[in-house]
Amino acid sequence: MINAVGNLGGGFGPMGIGVVVDRTGSAVGGLWFLVAAMVIAAVATPGVRRLVEGGPMVAHAPDTSATATGRTKA
């Protein structure tokens, strides 16, 4: 699975940069395309992980209250 996604990125990444450079006439536009792709990937990763694993999107800290540890409040 990881290899398949990597191969897609290796094909579509340069193509996307080329399209952006052709339309903007500057390599800076292609670099901004890479920045946008990385930001989108970083934001989407927790959601994809949740879909795959079926767990919560953010890990919650364990409950350390007195009732969770078996101690009673005095």
N, C-alpha and C. Protein backbone atom coordinates (compact mmCIF):
# COMPACT_ATOMS: atom_id res chain seq x y z
N MET A 1 0.82 -1.19 0.00
CA MET A 1 0.00 0.00 0.00
C MET A 1 0.87 1.26 0.00
N ILE A 2 1.86 1.27 0.89
CA ILE A 2 2.73 2.44 0.97
C ILE A 2 3.49 2.62 -0.33
N ASN A 3 3.96 1.51 -0.89
CA ASN A 3 4.70 1.58 -2.15
C ASN A 3 3.81 2.11 -3.27
N ALA A 4 2.56 1.71 -3.30
CA ALA A 4 1.65 2.18 -4.34
C ALA A 4 1.43 3.69 -4.25
N VAL A 5 1.25 4.19 -3.05
CA VAL A 5 1.04 5.63 -2.87
C VAL A 5 2.32 6.39 -3.22
N GLY A 6 3.47 5.84 -2.87
CA GLY A 6 4.74 6.45 -3.22
C GLY A 6 4.94 6.52 -4.72
N ASN A 7 4.55 5.46 -5.41
CA ASN A 7 4.66 5.45 -6.88
C ASN A 7 3.73 6.48 -7.51
N LEU A 8 2.54 6.63 -6.96
CA LEU A 8 1.62 7.66 -7.47
C LEU A 8 2.21 9.05 -7.28
N GLY A 9 2.78 9.30 -6.11
CA GLY A 9 3.40 10.58 -5.84
C GLY A 9 4.59 10.84 -6.75
N GLY A 10 5.35 9.79 -7.05
CA GLY A 10 6.49 9.94 -7.94
C GLY A 10 6.08 10.24 -9.37
N GLY A 11 4.86 9.89 -9.73
CA GLY A 11 4.37 10.17 -11.08
C GLY A 11 3.64 11.49 -11.17
N PHE A 12 2.75 11.73 -10.21
CA PHE A 12 1.92 12.92 -10.27
C PHE A 12 2.62 14.17 -9.74
N GLY A 13 3.60 14.01 -8.84
CA GLY A 13 4.31 15.16 -8.29
C GLY A 13 5.02 15.99 -9.35
N PRO A 14 5.91 15.37 -10.13
CA PRO A 14 6.58 16.13 -11.19
C PRO A 14 5.62 16.67 -12.25
N MET A 15 4.58 15.91 -12.53
CA MET A 15 3.60 16.38 -13.51
C MET A 15 2.88 17.62 -12.98
N GLY A 16 2.49 17.60 -11.71
CA GLY A 16 1.82 18.76 -11.11
C GLY A 16 2.72 19.97 -11.08
N ILE A 17 3.99 19.76 -10.72
CA ILE A 17 4.93 20.88 -10.71
C ILE A 17 5.08 21.44 -12.11
N GLY A 18 5.18 20.57 -13.10
CA GLY A 18 5.32 21.03 -14.48
C GLY A 18 4.13 21.85 -14.94
N VAL A 19 2.94 21.41 -14.60
CA VAL A 19 1.74 22.16 -14.98
C VAL A 19 1.73 23.54 -14.33
N VAL A 20 2.06 23.59 -13.04
CA VAL A 20 2.06 24.87 -12.34
C VAL A 20 3.14 25.79 -12.90
N VAL A 21 4.33 25.26 -13.19
CA VAL A 21 5.40 26.08 -13.75
C VAL A 21 5.01 26.60 -15.13
N ASP A 22 4.37 25.75 -15.94
CA ASP A 22 3.92 26.20 -17.26
C ASP A 22 2.89 27.31 -17.16
N ARG A 23 2.00 27.21 -16.21
CA ARG A 23 0.93 28.22 -16.09
C ARG A 23 1.40 29.52 -15.45
N THR A 24 2.34 29.40 -14.50
CA THR A 24 2.80 30.61 -13.82
C THR A 24 4.05 31.19 -14.46
N GLY A 25 4.80 30.39 -15.19
CA GLY A 25 6.03 30.85 -15.82
C GLY A 25 7.19 30.99 -14.85
N SER A 26 7.05 30.44 -13.65
CA SER A 26 8.09 30.56 -12.64
C SER A 26 8.20 29.26 -11.84
N ALA A 27 9.42 28.91 -11.46
CA ALA A 27 9.63 27.72 -10.64
C ALA A 27 9.10 27.93 -9.22
N VAL A 28 8.94 29.17 -8.81
CA VAL A 28 8.43 29.46 -7.46
C VAL A 28 7.01 28.91 -7.31
N GLY A 29 6.22 29.01 -8.36
CA GLY A 29 4.86 28.45 -8.32
C GLY A 29 4.88 26.95 -8.10
N GLY A 30 5.82 26.27 -8.73
CA GLY A 30 5.96 24.83 -8.53
C GLY A 30 6.34 24.48 -7.10
N LEU A 31 7.19 25.31 -6.50
CA LEU A 31 7.57 25.08 -5.10
C LEU A 31 6.39 25.32 -4.17
N TRP A 32 5.57 26.32 -4.47
CA TRP A 32 4.37 26.55 -3.66
C TRP A 32 3.39 25.39 -3.81
N PHE A 33 3.37 24.78 -4.97
CA PHE A 33 2.55 23.59 -5.18
C PHE A 33 3.00 22.48 -4.23
N LEU A 34 4.31 22.30 -4.09
CA LEU A 34 4.84 21.29 -3.16
C LEU A 34 4.46 21.62 -1.72
N VAL A 35 4.55 22.89 -1.35
CA VAL A 35 4.17 23.30 0.01
C VAL A 35 2.70 22.98 0.26
N ALA A 36 1.85 23.31 -0.69
CA ALA A 36 0.41 23.04 -0.54
C ALA A 36 0.14 21.54 -0.42
N ALA A 37 0.83 20.75 -1.23
CA ALA A 37 0.64 19.29 -1.18
C ALA A 37 1.06 18.73 0.18
N MET A 38 2.16 19.24 0.72
CA MET A 38 2.61 18.75 2.03
C MET A 38 1.66 19.16 3.14
N VAL A 39 1.12 20.36 3.08
CA VAL A 39 0.17 20.81 4.10
C VAL A 39 -1.11 19.97 4.04
N ILE A 40 -1.59 19.74 2.82
CA ILE A 40 -2.80 18.92 2.66
C ILE A 40 -2.55 17.51 3.20
N ALA A 41 -1.39 16.95 2.91
CA ALA A 41 -1.06 15.61 3.40
C ALA A 41 -0.99 15.58 4.93
N ALA A 42 -0.39 16.60 5.52
CA ALA A 42 -0.28 16.65 6.98
C ALA A 42 -1.64 16.78 7.65
N VAL A 43 -2.53 17.53 7.03
CA VAL A 43 -3.87 17.69 7.60
C VAL A 43 -4.71 16.44 7.39
N ALA A 44 -4.53 15.75 6.27
CA ALA A 44 -5.35 14.59 5.95
C ALA A 44 -4.89 13.32 6.67
N THR A 45 -3.65 13.25 7.10
CA THR A 45 -3.10 12.02 7.68
C THR A 45 -3.89 11.51 8.89
N PRO A 46 -4.24 12.33 9.87
CA PRO A 46 -5.02 11.79 10.99
C PRO A 46 -6.38 11.22 10.56
N GLY A 47 -7.02 11.86 9.62
CA GLY A 47 -8.31 11.36 9.15
C GLY A 47 -8.19 10.03 8.44
N VAL A 48 -7.16 9.89 7.62
CA VAL A 48 -6.93 8.63 6.92
C VAL A 48 -6.58 7.54 7.92
N ARG A 49 -5.77 7.90 8.90
CA ARG A 49 -5.41 6.92 9.93
C ARG A 49 -6.64 6.45 10.69
N ARG A 50 -7.53 7.38 10.99
CA ARG A 50 -8.76 7.02 11.71
C ARG A 50 -9.62 6.07 10.87
N LEU A 51 -9.70 6.34 9.58
CA LEU A 51 -10.48 5.47 8.70
C LEU A 51 -9.88 4.07 8.63
N VAL A 52 -8.58 3.99 8.57
CA VAL A 52 -7.91 2.69 8.43
C VAL A 52 -7.96 1.90 9.73
N GLU A 53 -7.65 2.56 10.84
CA GLU A 53 -7.57 1.87 12.12
C GLU A 53 -8.89 1.84 12.88
N GLY A 54 -9.79 2.73 12.57
CA GLY A 54 -11.08 2.76 13.24
C GLY A 54 -11.03 3.35 14.63
N GLY A 55 -9.96 4.04 14.99
CA GLY A 55 -9.83 4.62 16.32
C GLY A 55 -10.10 6.10 16.31
N PRO A 56 -9.87 6.75 17.45
CA PRO A 56 -10.08 8.20 17.51
C PRO A 56 -9.01 8.94 16.71
N MET A 57 -9.34 10.14 16.25
CA MET A 57 -8.41 10.92 15.46
C MET A 57 -7.24 11.43 16.30
N VAL A 58 -7.49 11.74 17.57
CA VAL A 58 -6.46 12.24 18.47
C VAL A 58 -6.43 11.34 19.69
N ALA A 59 -5.25 10.92 20.08
CA ALA A 59 -5.13 10.09 21.27
C ALA A 59 -5.43 10.93 22.50
N HIS A 60 -6.23 10.38 23.37
CA HIS A 60 -6.60 11.10 24.59
C HIS A 60 -5.70 10.63 25.73
N ALA A 61 -5.39 11.54 26.62
CA ALA A 61 -4.59 11.21 27.79
C ALA A 61 -5.40 10.30 28.71
N PRO A 62 -4.74 9.37 29.36
CA PRO A 62 -5.48 8.49 30.28
C PRO A 62 -6.05 9.28 31.44
N ASP A 63 -7.15 8.79 31.97
CA ASP A 63 -7.82 9.44 33.09
C ASP A 63 -7.04 9.13 34.37
N THR A 64 -6.49 10.15 34.99
CA THR A 64 -5.71 9.96 36.21
C THR A 64 -6.43 10.49 37.44
N SER A 65 -7.73 10.60 37.35
CA SER A 65 -8.48 11.09 38.51
C SER A 65 -8.45 10.04 39.62
N ALA A 66 -8.84 10.45 40.80
CA ALA A 66 -8.81 9.56 41.95
C ALA A 66 -9.70 8.35 41.75
N THR A 67 -10.84 8.52 41.11
CA THR A 67 -11.74 7.38 40.93
C THR A 67 -11.21 6.43 39.87
N ALA A 68 -10.44 6.89 38.93
CA ALA A 68 -9.90 6.02 37.89
C ALA A 68 -8.77 5.15 38.44
N THR A 69 -8.06 5.63 39.44
CA THR A 69 -6.94 4.87 40.00
C THR A 69 -7.37 3.99 41.18
N GLY A 70 -8.62 4.05 41.54
CA GLY A 70 -9.11 3.21 42.63
C GLY A 70 -9.00 3.88 43.99
N ARG A 71 -8.46 5.07 44.06
CA ARG A 71 -8.32 5.76 45.35
C ARG A 71 -9.58 6.58 45.60
N THR A 72 -9.89 6.72 46.83
CA THR A 72 -11.03 7.57 47.19
C THR A 72 -10.52 8.89 47.69
N LYS A 73 -11.31 9.91 47.48
CA LYS A 73 -10.91 11.24 47.96
C LYS A 73 -11.19 11.33 49.46
N ALA A 74 -10.23 11.90 50.18
CA ALA A 74 -10.39 12.00 51.63
C ALA A 74 -10.99 13.32 52.01
